[in-house]
Protein backbone atom coordinates (compact mmCIF):
# COMPACT_ATOMS: atom_id res chain seq x y z
CA MET A 1 264.26 205.38 132.76
CA ARG A 2 265.83 205.47 129.31
CA THR A 3 267.52 208.65 128.09
CA PHE A 4 269.40 209.56 124.91
CA SER A 5 272.01 211.50 126.86
CA GLN A 6 275.01 209.34 125.96
CA ALA A 7 277.35 210.20 123.08
CA SER A 8 278.51 207.29 120.92
CA PRO A 9 281.92 208.15 119.44
CA ASP A 10 282.73 204.53 118.59
CA HIS A 11 279.59 202.68 117.45
CA ARG A 12 276.80 204.92 116.15
CA GLY A 13 279.00 207.92 115.50
CA THR A 14 282.60 209.06 115.33
CA PRO A 15 284.76 211.15 117.65
CA GLN A 16 284.09 214.11 115.32
CA ARG A 17 280.31 213.47 115.17
CA PRO A 18 279.24 211.20 118.03
CA GLY A 19 275.85 209.59 117.73
CA ARG A 20 273.34 209.42 120.57
CA VAL A 21 272.51 206.19 122.36
CA LEU A 22 270.52 205.23 125.42
CA THR A 23 271.52 204.80 128.97
CA LEU A 24 269.40 204.25 132.04
CA THR A 25 268.99 206.93 134.68
CA ARG A 26 267.54 206.69 138.13
CA ALA A 27 264.14 208.23 138.69
CA ARG A 28 261.96 207.75 141.74
CA GLY A 29 259.36 205.09 141.07
CA ALA A 30 260.72 204.30 137.60
CA SER A 31 261.44 200.87 136.24
CA THR A 32 262.43 199.59 132.84
CA VAL A 33 261.71 196.52 130.77
CA GLY A 34 264.30 194.72 128.70
CA ALA A 35 265.68 191.36 127.69
CA VAL A 36 267.67 189.08 129.98
CA TYR A 37 270.12 186.67 128.39
CA TYR A 38 271.25 183.61 130.31
CA VAL A 39 274.93 182.77 129.83
CA ASP A 40 276.75 179.72 131.10
CA ALA A 41 279.41 180.41 133.71
CA PRO A 42 282.19 181.20 133.69
CA ALA A 43 281.55 184.15 131.44
CA GLU A 44 284.66 186.21 132.17
CA ARG A 45 285.78 186.40 128.54
CA LEU A 46 282.34 187.55 127.42
CA LEU A 47 282.24 190.13 130.22
CA GLN A 48 285.66 191.46 129.17
CA GLU A 49 284.47 191.76 125.56
CA LEU A 50 281.35 193.62 126.69
CA ASP A 51 283.43 195.88 128.96
CA TYR A 52 285.46 196.82 125.88
CA ARG A 53 282.36 197.30 123.71
CA GLU A 54 280.71 199.54 126.31
CA ARG A 55 283.86 201.55 127.06
CA ALA A 56 282.51 204.99 126.08
CA GLY A 57 281.31 206.04 129.52
CA TYR A 58 279.48 202.89 130.58
CA GLU A 59 280.18 200.97 133.76
CA ARG A 60 279.39 197.33 134.46
CA MET A 61 276.68 197.08 137.11
CA SER A 62 275.21 194.11 138.96
CA LEU A 63 271.53 194.21 139.74
CA GLU A 64 268.57 192.07 140.57
CA VAL A 65 265.94 191.65 137.85
CA VAL A 66 262.44 190.28 138.01
CA THR A 67 261.66 187.74 135.30
CA ASP A 68 258.28 186.20 134.55
CA HIS A 69 258.77 183.57 137.23
CA SER A 70 261.47 184.70 139.64
CA LYS A 71 264.19 187.13 140.54
CA ALA A 72 267.65 186.75 139.07
CA HIS A 73 271.09 188.29 139.36
CA ALA A 74 272.06 190.16 136.18
CA VAL A 75 274.79 192.34 134.80
CA THR A 76 274.28 195.39 132.61
CA TRP A 77 276.19 198.46 131.54
CA ILE A 78 274.95 201.91 132.52
CA ALA A 79 276.54 205.25 131.76
CA PRO A 80 276.22 207.29 134.95
CA PRO A 81 275.45 211.01 134.81
CA GLY A 82 278.60 213.10 134.53
CA ASN A 83 280.68 210.48 132.71
CA GLU A 84 283.00 211.79 129.97
CA HIS A 85 280.45 211.00 127.22
CA ASP A 86 277.37 212.34 129.02
CA VAL A 87 276.12 215.12 126.77
CA GLY A 88 272.72 215.72 128.32
CA GLN A 89 269.28 215.39 126.80
CA LEU A 90 268.37 217.42 123.71
CA PRO A 91 264.85 218.56 122.85
CA LEU A 92 263.26 215.91 120.65
CA GLU A 93 263.47 217.86 117.35
CA GLN A 94 267.17 218.63 117.90
CA LEU A 95 267.82 215.03 118.91
CA ALA A 96 266.24 213.82 115.67
CA GLU A 97 268.41 216.16 113.59
CA HIS A 98 271.51 215.02 115.43
CA VAL A 99 270.67 211.31 115.11
CA ARG A 100 269.79 211.72 111.43
CA SER A 101 273.32 212.99 110.66
CA ALA A 102 275.38 210.53 112.74
CA ALA A 103 276.84 207.19 111.71
CA GLY A 104 279.74 205.05 112.84
CA PRO A 105 281.30 201.59 112.55
CA SER A 106 278.12 199.91 113.86
CA GLY A 107 275.87 201.71 111.38
CA SER A 108 273.70 204.78 111.26
CA ASN A 109 272.39 206.31 114.42
CA ALA A 110 268.88 206.36 112.90
CA ASP A 111 269.06 202.58 112.35
CA TYR A 112 269.93 202.22 116.05
CA VAL A 113 266.69 204.01 116.93
CA PHE A 114 264.63 201.93 114.50
CA GLN A 115 266.15 198.66 115.74
CA LEU A 116 265.56 199.74 119.34
CA GLU A 117 261.93 200.58 118.62
CA ARG A 118 261.43 197.19 116.96
CA ALA A 119 263.12 195.31 119.83
CA LEU A 120 260.97 197.09 122.42
CA ARG A 121 257.80 196.29 120.47
CA GLU A 122 258.82 192.63 120.32
CA LEU A 123 259.06 192.74 124.12
CA GLY A 124 255.61 194.34 124.29
CA VAL A 125 257.05 197.64 125.50
CA GLU A 126 256.09 201.07 124.27
CA ASP A 127 258.63 203.79 125.07
CA PRO A 128 257.05 207.15 124.15
CA GLN A 129 260.42 208.87 123.68
CA VAL A 130 261.79 206.14 121.40
CA SER A 131 258.56 206.02 119.37
CA ALA A 132 258.40 209.81 119.00
CA LEU A 133 262.04 209.97 117.93
CA ALA A 134 261.56 207.16 115.40
CA ALA A 135 258.50 208.92 113.99
CA LEU A 136 260.46 212.14 113.51
CA LEU A 137 263.27 210.25 111.81
CA ARG A 138 260.81 208.67 109.38
CA ARG A 139 259.59 212.09 108.18
C-alpha cells in the first residue's frame, strides 16, 4: 500500500524542511496499481541514474508485475521501514500542513500530490489517502 512516510530532503523539500513523498509498504492482502515502462536492454546507465535519483532511503527492488496480458519482471524503488528518511505517517491534517509548506529542487510538495492524484486518475485508480490529501491542500 502507498504511504506518505518518506521524507524528501532532495526533491520535494530540503534537508532543513524535507517534503513528504510516497513509498510502498507491505500489508497482508494489499496490492497496488501503477505504470510499467518498458526499456530496451541494457539499461544499466538508466538504472544508475535512477539509483542516484532515489538515493534518499529507497532501495532498488526486482519484482514480478501483472500487466493486462501477462506477467513481467520489473524494477522499482521502495523505501523500507526504518530507513534513514522514514519519518512515519502523520495524521492527514498534519500531513497537509507539512506538505503545504515544503518545496525543493523538483518543485513544491503540494504539486507532487496534485500530479500524483492526476496520474492515478489517468490509470483509473482512486487512492483515498491521496485524494483526501489533495482535497485538503486545495482548501
